[in-house]
Amino acid sequence: MVKIILLICLMFFLLQSDAFEQNCVKCHVNEFQFSMFMRKYTLKYSSQRAIKEAVYRYLKNPQYEKSVLPYGYLKRFGIKKKSLLSDEELEKMIDVYYEKYNMKDRIY
């Protein structure tokens, strides 16, 4: 029974990862960008909850003031367009993003 539950959880996570690939990775093709964004969010917001809330607020209504990226980066690449994902989908993508790139597993 435990194996079945673990298998279902793994399949759910993999399906969400595929959606992350389709919705996020298609524009941010390089993993360095995701890691850099997470470092910036971690330095500014620290906790998992605060990071996820800040990412959500930014993606729902991108503004220069809400961005954690340096002005030069934003000037060069521009501000992101507003996310067209539903609130539920966006929260799932943020969960996948956090699980893949959070800093707690990388801190020594």
Foldseek 3Di string as FASTA:
>chain_A
DVVVVVVVVVVVLVVLVVVLCVQPCVVVVDVVVLQVQQVLLCVVQVDPVRSLVLVLVCQQPPDPVSGSDDPVVCVVVNIDDRDPDDSVSSSSSSVSSCVVHHCPVVDD
